[in-house]
């Protein structure tokens, strides 16, 4: 999976699960950061949400689920 595909998956799922609008979720989600698989063997990506406490909680729960399903991401 590519970074852009992961971001799209995040946004589609957030809209479906929590409602709201795509612009707000994109701002709350922030960028997906990639790490070298040599130093992060289990999952090479991370997000640092910057929304409200409730938004961040939803994003973090979804991130946990997506890390299991998509632990490796490649650059666009």
PDB file of N, CA and C in Angstrom:
ATOM      1  N   UNK A   1       0.843  -1.167   0.000  1.00  0.00           N
ATOM      2  CA  UNK A   1       0.000   0.000   0.000  1.00  0.00           C
ATOM      3  C   UNK A   1       0.894   1.237   0.000  1.00  0.00           C
ATOM      4  N   UNK A   2       0.479   2.236  -0.708  1.00  0.00           N
ATOM      5  CA  UNK A   2       1.199   3.510  -0.769  1.00  0.00           C
ATOM      6  C   UNK A   2       0.659   4.484   0.290  1.00  0.00           C
ATOM      7  N   UNK A   3       1.455   5.494   0.612  1.00  0.00           N
ATOM      8  CA  UNK A   3       1.068   6.481   1.626  1.00  0.00           C
ATOM      9  C   UNK A   3      -0.260   7.136   1.266  1.00  0.00           C
ATOM     10  N   UNK A   4      -0.405   7.561   0.018  1.00  0.00           N
ATOM     11  CA  UNK A   4      -1.651   8.210  -0.410  1.00  0.00           C
ATOM     12  C   UNK A   4      -2.859   7.301  -0.273  1.00  0.00           C
ATOM     13  N   UNK A   5      -2.673   6.022  -0.553  1.00  0.00           N
ATOM     14  CA  UNK A   5      -3.765   5.060  -0.404  1.00  0.00           C
ATOM     15  C   UNK A   5      -4.134   4.892   1.066  1.00  0.00           C
ATOM     16  N   UNK A   6      -3.124   4.878   1.933  1.00  0.00           N
ATOM     17  CA  UNK A   6      -3.385   4.769   3.370  1.00  0.00           C
ATOM     18  C   UNK A   6      -4.136   6.002   3.871  1.00  0.00           C
ATOM     19  N   UNK A   7      -3.717   7.178   3.439  1.00  0.00           N
ATOM     20  CA  UNK A   7      -4.410   8.405   3.838  1.00  0.00           C
ATOM     21  C   UNK A   7      -5.855   8.382   3.365  1.00  0.00           C
ATOM     22  N   UNK A   8      -6.090   7.951   2.120  1.00  0.00           N
ATOM     23  CA  UNK A   8      -7.459   7.853   1.606  1.00  0.00           C
ATOM     24  C   UNK A   8      -8.283   6.861   2.422  1.00  0.00           C
ATOM     25  N   UNK A   9      -7.681   5.733   2.786  1.00  0.00           N
ATOM     26  CA  UNK A   9      -8.368   4.740   3.599  1.00  0.00           C
ATOM     27  C   UNK A   9      -8.721   5.315   4.968  1.00  0.00           C
ATOM     28  N   UNK A  10      -7.782   6.030   5.569  1.00  0.00           N
ATOM     29  CA  UNK A  10      -8.061   6.711   6.839  1.00  0.00           C
ATOM     30  C   UNK A  10      -9.273   7.619   6.690  1.00  0.00           C
ATOM     31  N   UNK A  11      -9.255   8.479   5.693  1.00  0.00           N
ATOM     32  CA  UNK A  11     -10.325   9.465   5.537  1.00  0.00           C
ATOM     33  C   UNK A  11     -11.675   8.810   5.260  1.00  0.00           C
ATOM     34  N   UNK A  12     -11.709   7.835   4.365  1.00  0.00           N
ATOM     35  CA  UNK A  12     -12.976   7.147   4.065  1.00  0.00           C
ATOM     36  C   UNK A  12     -13.542   6.483   5.320  1.00  0.00           C
ATOM     37  N   UNK A  13     -12.667   5.830   6.076  1.00  0.00           N
ATOM     38  CA  UNK A  13     -13.122   5.123   7.273  1.00  0.00           C
ATOM     39  C   UNK A  13     -13.562   6.098   8.358  1.00  0.00           C
ATOM     40  N   UNK A  14     -12.827   7.184   8.536  1.00  0.00           N
ATOM     41  CA  UNK A  14     -13.214   8.189   9.531  1.00  0.00           C
ATOM     42  C   UNK A  14     -14.570   8.799   9.187  1.00  0.00           C
ATOM     43  N   UNK A  15     -14.785   9.113   7.929  1.00  0.00           N
ATOM     44  CA  UNK A  15     -16.072   9.678   7.509  1.00  0.00           C
ATOM     45  C   UNK A  15     -17.204   8.690   7.762  1.00  0.00           C
ATOM     46  N   UNK A  16     -16.956   7.425   7.459  1.00  0.00           N
ATOM     47  CA  UNK A  16     -17.979   6.397   7.634  1.00  0.00           C
ATOM     48  C   UNK A  16     -18.276   6.150   9.112  1.00  0.00           C
ATOM     49  N   UNK A  17     -17.234   6.067   9.939  1.00  0.00           N
ATOM     50  CA  UNK A  17     -17.415   5.730  11.350  1.00  0.00           C
ATOM     51  C   UNK A  17     -17.841   6.908  12.213  1.00  0.00           C
ATOM     52  N   UNK A  18     -17.314   8.100  11.916  1.00  0.00           N
ATOM     53  CA  UNK A  18     -17.528   9.229  12.824  1.00  0.00           C
ATOM     54  C   UNK A  18     -18.270  10.401  12.187  1.00  0.00           C
ATOM     55  N   UNK A  19     -18.482  10.358  10.871  1.00  0.00           N
ATOM     56  CA  UNK A  19     -19.166  11.465  10.217  1.00  0.00           C
ATOM     57  C   UNK A  19     -18.260  12.667  10.070  1.00  0.00           C
ATOM     58  N   UNK A  20     -18.861  13.826   9.933  1.00  0.00           N
ATOM     59  CA  UNK A  20     -18.084  15.050   9.756  1.00  0.00           C
ATOM     60  C   UNK A  20     -17.746  15.273   8.294  1.00  0.00           C
ATOM     61  N   UNK A  21     -16.695  16.041   8.061  1.00  0.00           N
ATOM     62  CA  UNK A  21     -16.311  16.307   6.677  1.00  0.00           C
ATOM     63  C   UNK A  21     -14.845  15.967   6.451  1.00  0.00           C
ATOM     64  N   UNK A  22     -14.518  15.722   5.196  1.00  0.00           N
ATOM     65  CA  UNK A  22     -13.184  15.253   4.834  1.00  0.00           C
ATOM     66  C   UNK A  22     -12.113  16.280   5.170  1.00  0.00           C
ATOM     67  N   UNK A  23     -12.399  17.552   4.959  1.00  0.00           N
ATOM     68  CA  UNK A  23     -11.392  18.588   5.235  1.00  0.00           C
ATOM     69  C   UNK A  23     -10.982  18.573   6.711  1.00  0.00           C
ATOM     70  N   UNK A  24     -11.969  18.496   7.603  1.00  0.00           N
ATOM     71  CA  UNK A  24     -11.673  18.509   9.035  1.00  0.00           C
ATOM     72  C   UNK A  24     -10.867  17.278   9.442  1.00  0.00           C
ATOM     73  N   UNK A  25     -11.241  16.106   8.922  1.00  0.00           N
ATOM     74  CA  UNK A  25     -10.504  14.896   9.272  1.00  0.00           C
ATOM     75  C   UNK A  25      -9.083  14.927   8.717  1.00  0.00           C
ATOM     76  N   UNK A  26      -8.921  15.487   7.509  1.00  0.00           N
ATOM     77  CA  UNK A  26      -7.578  15.576   6.929  1.00  0.00           C
ATOM     78  C   UNK A  26      -6.683  16.451   7.804  1.00  0.00           C
ATOM     79  N   UNK A  27      -7.240  17.562   8.296  1.00  0.00           N
ATOM     80  CA  UNK A  27      -6.465  18.438   9.189  1.00  0.00           C
ATOM     81  C   UNK A  27      -6.151  17.736  10.510  1.00  0.00           C
ATOM     82  N   UNK A  28      -7.123  17.037  11.069  1.00  0.00           N
ATOM     83  CA  UNK A  28      -6.917  16.349  12.357  1.00  0.00           C
ATOM     84  C   UNK A  28      -5.931  15.189  12.212  1.00  0.00           C
ATOM     85  N   UNK A  29      -5.962  14.493  11.080  1.00  0.00           N
ATOM     86  CA  UNK A  29      -5.089  13.346  10.860  1.00  0.00           C
ATOM     87  C   UNK A  29      -3.632  13.758  10.718  1.00  0.00           C
ATOM     88  N   UNK A  30      -3.379  14.790   9.957  1.00  0.00           N
ATOM     89  CA  UNK A  30      -2.000  15.199   9.690  1.00  0.00           C
ATOM     90  C   UNK A  30      -1.338  14.233   8.721  1.00  0.00           C
ATOM     91  N   UNK A  31      -0.051  14.391   8.489  1.00  0.00           N
ATOM     92  CA  UNK A  31       0.634  13.537   7.513  1.00  0.00           C
ATOM     93  C   UNK A  31       0.960  12.153   8.075  1.00  0.00           C
ATOM     94  N   UNK A  32       1.041  11.200   7.170  1.00  0.00           N
ATOM     95  CA  UNK A  32       1.531   9.865   7.515  1.00  0.00           C
ATOM     96  C   UNK A  32       3.045   9.913   7.368  1.00  0.00           C
ATOM     97  N   UNK A  33       3.746   9.572   8.434  1.00  0.00           N
ATOM     98  CA  UNK A  33       5.214   9.561   8.400  1.00  0.00           C
ATOM     99  C   UNK A  33       5.721   8.147   8.215  1.00  0.00           C
ATOM    100  N   UNK A  34       6.699   8.012   7.343  1.00  0.00           N
ATOM    101  CA  UNK A  34       7.303   6.706   7.095  1.00  0.00           C
ATOM    102  C   UNK A  34       8.632   6.591   7.819  1.00  0.00           C
ATOM    103  N   UNK A  35       8.941   5.364   8.243  1.00  0.00           N
ATOM    104  CA  UNK A  35      10.203   5.073   8.896  1.00  0.00           C
ATOM    105  C   UNK A  35      10.900   3.951   8.146  1.00  0.00           C
ATOM    106  N   UNK A  36      12.173   3.844   8.336  1.00  0.00           N
ATOM    107  CA  UNK A  36      12.955   2.785   7.703  1.00  0.00           C
ATOM    108  C   UNK A  36      12.541   1.435   8.296  1.00  0.00           C
ATOM    109  N   UNK A  37      12.160   0.475   7.445  1.00  0.00           N
ATOM    110  CA  UNK A  37      11.778  -0.846   7.961  1.00  0.00           C
ATOM    111  C   UNK A  37      12.894  -1.528   8.765  1.00  0.00           C
ATOM    112  N   UNK A  38      14.140  -1.151   8.524  1.00  0.00           N
ATOM    113  CA  UNK A  38      15.243  -1.744   9.287  1.00  0.00           C
ATOM    114  C   UNK A  38      15.175  -1.354  10.762  1.00  0.00           C
ATOM    115  N   UNK A  39      14.690  -0.160  11.043  1.00  0.00           N
ATOM    116  CA  UNK A  39      14.593   0.293  12.428  1.00  0.00           C
ATOM    117  C   UNK A  39      13.194   0.129  13.008  1.00  0.00           C
ATOM    118  N   UNK A  40      12.219  -0.089  12.139  1.00  0.00           N
ATOM    119  CA  UNK A  40      10.826  -0.285  12.572  1.00  0.00           C
ATOM    120  C   UNK A  40      10.276  -1.533  11.879  1.00  0.00           C
ATOM    121  N   UNK A  41      10.686  -2.711  12.327  1.00  0.00           N
ATOM    122  CA  UNK A  41      10.348  -3.940  11.606  1.00  0.00           C
ATOM    123  C   UNK A  41       8.870  -4.334  11.647  1.00  0.00           C
ATOM    124  N   UNK A  42       8.138  -3.901  12.648  1.00  0.00           N
ATOM    125  CA  UNK A  42       6.750  -4.337  12.769  1.00  0.00           C
ATOM    126  C   UNK A  42       5.773  -3.429  12.033  1.00  0.00           C
ATOM    127  N   UNK A  43       6.071  -2.156  11.959  1.00  0.00           N
ATOM    128  CA  UNK A  43       5.195  -1.190  11.292  1.00  0.00           C
ATOM    129  C   UNK A  43       6.047   0.026  10.928  1.00  0.00           C
ATOM    130  N   UNK A  44       6.067   0.393   9.660  1.00  0.00           N
ATOM    131  CA  UNK A  44       6.967   1.463   9.234  1.00  0.00           C
ATOM    132  C   UNK A  44       6.279   2.811   9.036  1.00  0.00           C
ATOM    133  N   UNK A  45       5.107   3.018   9.635  1.00  0.00           N
ATOM    134  CA  UNK A  45       4.432   4.306   9.503  1.00  0.00           C
ATOM    135  C   UNK A  45       3.790   4.719  10.829  1.00  0.00           C
ATOM    136  N   UNK A  46       3.488   6.019  10.909  1.00  0.00           N
ATOM    137  CA  UNK A  46       2.854   6.556  12.103  1.00  0.00           C
ATOM    138  C   UNK A  46       2.109   7.831  11.739  1.00  0.00           C
ATOM    139  N   UNK A  47       1.128   8.174  12.536  1.00  0.00           N
ATOM    140  CA  UNK A  47       0.434   9.454  12.422  1.00  0.00           C
ATOM    141  C   UNK A  47       0.478  10.126  13.786  1.00  0.00           C
ATOM    142  N   UNK A  48       0.442  11.439  13.784  1.00  0.00           N
ATOM    143  CA  UNK A  48       0.378  12.224  15.015  1.00  0.00           C
ATOM    144  C   UNK A  48      -0.799  13.180  14.893  1.00  0.00           C
ATOM    145  N   UNK A  49      -1.986  12.726  15.277  1.00  0.00           N
ATOM    146  CA  UNK A  49      -3.171  13.557  15.087  1.00  0.00           C
ATOM    147  C   UNK A  49      -3.096  14.863  15.867  1.00  0.00           C
ATOM    148  N   UNK A  50      -3.717  15.883  15.293  1.00  0.00           N
ATOM    149  CA  UNK A  50      -3.689  17.218  15.899  1.00  0.00           C
ATOM    150  C   UNK A  50      -5.085  17.789  16.073  1.00  0.00           C
ATOM    151  N   UNK A  51      -6.072  16.929  16.202  1.00  0.00           N
ATOM    152  CA  UNK A  51      -7.443  17.396  16.371  1.00  0.00           C
ATOM    153  C   UNK A  51      -7.797  17.554  17.835  1.00  0.00           C
ATOM    154  N   UNK A  52      -9.094  17.553  18.086  1.00  0.00           N
ATOM    155  CA  UNK A  52      -9.569  17.605  19.470  1.00  0.00           C
ATOM    156  C   UNK A  52      -9.279  16.264  20.136  1.00  0.00           C
ATOM    157  N   UNK A  53      -9.476  16.197  21.428  1.00  0.00           N
ATOM    158  CA  UNK A  53      -9.228  14.948  22.152  1.00  0.00           C
ATOM    159  C   UNK A  53     -10.105  13.824  21.607  1.00  0.00           C
ATOM    160  N   UNK A  54     -11.359  14.113  21.317  1.00  0.00           N
ATOM    161  CA  UNK A  54     -12.273  13.095  20.788  1.00  0.00           C
ATOM    162  C   UNK A  54     -11.840  12.655  19.387  1.00  0.00           C
ATOM    163  N   UNK A  55     -11.458  13.597  18.538  1.00  0.00           N
ATOM    164  CA  UNK A  55     -10.993  13.254  17.193  1.00  0.00           C
ATOM    165  C   UNK A  55      -9.723  12.416  17.252  1.00  0.00           C
ATOM    166  N   UNK A  56      -8.807  12.829  18.104  1.00  0.00           N
ATOM    167  CA  UNK A  56      -7.547  12.087  18.241  1.00  0.00           C
ATOM    168  C   UNK A  56      -7.790  10.657  18.712  1.00  0.00           C
ATOM    169  N   UNK A  57      -8.732  10.472  19.602  1.00  0.00           N
ATOM    170  CA  UNK A  57      -9.040   9.125  20.097  1.00  0.00           C
ATOM    171  C   UNK A  57      -9.573   8.252  18.967  1.00  0.00           C
ATOM    172  N   UNK A  58     -10.445   8.800  18.134  1.00  0.00           N
ATOM    173  CA  UNK A  58     -10.983   8.047  16.999  1.00  0.00           C
ATOM    174  C   UNK A  58      -9.865   7.699  16.020  1.00  0.00           C
ATOM    175  N   UNK A  59      -9.004   8.655  15.737  1.00  0.00           N
ATOM    176  CA  UNK A  59      -7.890   8.433  14.805  1.00  0.00           C
ATOM    177  C   UNK A  59      -6.937   7.378  15.355  1.00  0.00           C
ATOM    178  N   UNK A  60      -6.602   7.440  16.626  1.00  0.00           N
ATOM    179  CA  UNK A  60      -5.669   6.479  17.215  1.00  0.00           C
ATOM    180  C   UNK A  60      -6.238   5.062  17.211  1.00  0.00           C
ATOM    181  N   UNK A  61      -7.539   4.929  17.495  1.00  0.00           N
ATOM    182  CA  UNK A  61      -8.156   3.596  17.445  1.00  0.00           C
ATOM    183  C   UNK A  61      -8.108   3.037  16.024  1.00  0.00           C
ATOM    184  N   UNK A  62      -8.416   3.883  15.044  1.00  0.00           N
ATOM    185  CA  UNK A  62      -8.372   3.450  13.653  1.00  0.00           C
ATOM    186  C   UNK A  62      -6.936   3.121  13.250  1.00  0.00           C
ATOM    187  N   UNK A  63      -5.982   3.924  13.674  1.00  0.00           N
ATOM    188  CA  UNK A  63      -4.578   3.660  13.352  1.00  0.00           C
ATOM    189  C   UNK A  63      -4.145   2.298  13.884  1.00  0.00           C
ATOM    190  N   UNK A  64      -4.581   1.945  15.078  1.00  0.00           N
ATOM    191  CA  UNK A  64      -4.250   0.625  15.641  1.00  0.00           C
ATOM    192  C   UNK A  64      -4.778  -0.490  14.739  1.00  0.00           C
ATOM    193  N   UNK A  65      -6.010  -0.346  14.260  1.00  0.00           N
ATOM    194  CA  UNK A  65      -6.597  -1.347  13.364  1.00  0.00           C
ATOM    195  C   UNK A  65      -5.858  -1.410  12.035  1.00  0.00           C
ATOM    196  N   UNK A  66      -5.516  -0.248  11.485  1.00  0.00           N
ATOM    197  CA  UNK A  66      -4.846  -0.215  10.187  1.00  0.00           C
ATOM    198  C   UNK A  66      -3.409  -0.716  10.275  1.00  0.00           C
ATOM    199  N   UNK A  67      -2.775  -0.547  11.402  1.00  0.00           N
ATOM    200  CA  UNK A  67      -1.412  -1.077  11.573  1.00  0.00           C
ATOM    201  C   UNK A  67      -1.403  -2.603  11.480  1.00  0.00           C
ATOM    202  N   UNK A  68      -2.447  -3.218  11.972  1.00  0.00           N
ATOM    203  CA  UNK A  68      -2.547  -4.676  11.891  1.00  0.00           C
ATOM    204  C   UNK A  68      -2.769  -5.103  10.440  1.00  0.00           C
ATOM    205  N   UNK A  69      -3.671  -4.417   9.752  1.00  0.00           N
ATOM    206  CA  UNK A  69      -4.013  -4.788   8.378  1.00  0.00           C
ATOM    207  C   UNK A  69      -2.960  -4.348   7.361  1.00  0.00           C
ATOM    208  N   UNK A  70      -2.301  -3.221   7.630  1.00  0.00           N
ATOM    209  CA  UNK A  70      -1.340  -2.646   6.670  1.00  0.00           C
ATOM    210  C   UNK A  70      -0.079  -2.161   7.389  1.00  0.00           C
ATOM    211  N   UNK A  71       0.746  -3.087   7.867  1.00  0.00           N
ATOM    212  CA  UNK A  71       1.921  -2.670   8.634  1.00  0.00           C
ATOM    213  C   UNK A  71       3.020  -2.027   7.780  1.00  0.00           C
ATOM    214  N   UNK A  72       3.064  -2.343   6.505  1.00  0.00           N
ATOM    215  CA  UNK A  72       4.115  -1.797   5.630  1.00  0.00           C
ATOM    216  C   UNK A  72       3.491  -0.883   4.585  1.00  0.00           C
ATOM    217  N   UNK A  73       4.045   0.307   4.475  1.00  0.00           N
ATOM    218  CA  UNK A  73       3.596   1.296   3.499  1.00  0.00           C
ATOM    219  C   UNK A  73       4.813   1.770   2.733  1.00  0.00           C
ATOM    220  N   UNK A  74       4.624   2.049   1.450  1.00  0.00           N
ATOM    221  CA  UNK A  74       5.719   2.558   0.623  1.00  0.00           C
ATOM    222  C   UNK A  74       5.405   3.991   0.212  1.00  0.00           C
ATOM    223  N   UNK A  75       6.435   4.770  -0.102  1.00  0.00           N
ATOM    224  CA  UNK A  75       6.190   6.151  -0.534  1.00  0.00           C
ATOM    225  C   UNK A  75       5.377   6.185  -1.825  1.00  0.00           C
ATOM    226  N   UNK A  76       4.704   7.309  -2.044  1.00  0.00           N
ATOM    227  CA  UNK A  76       3.937   7.485  -3.287  1.00  0.00           C
ATOM    228  C   UNK A  76       4.829   7.553  -4.502  1.00  0.00           C
TER     229      UNK A  76
END
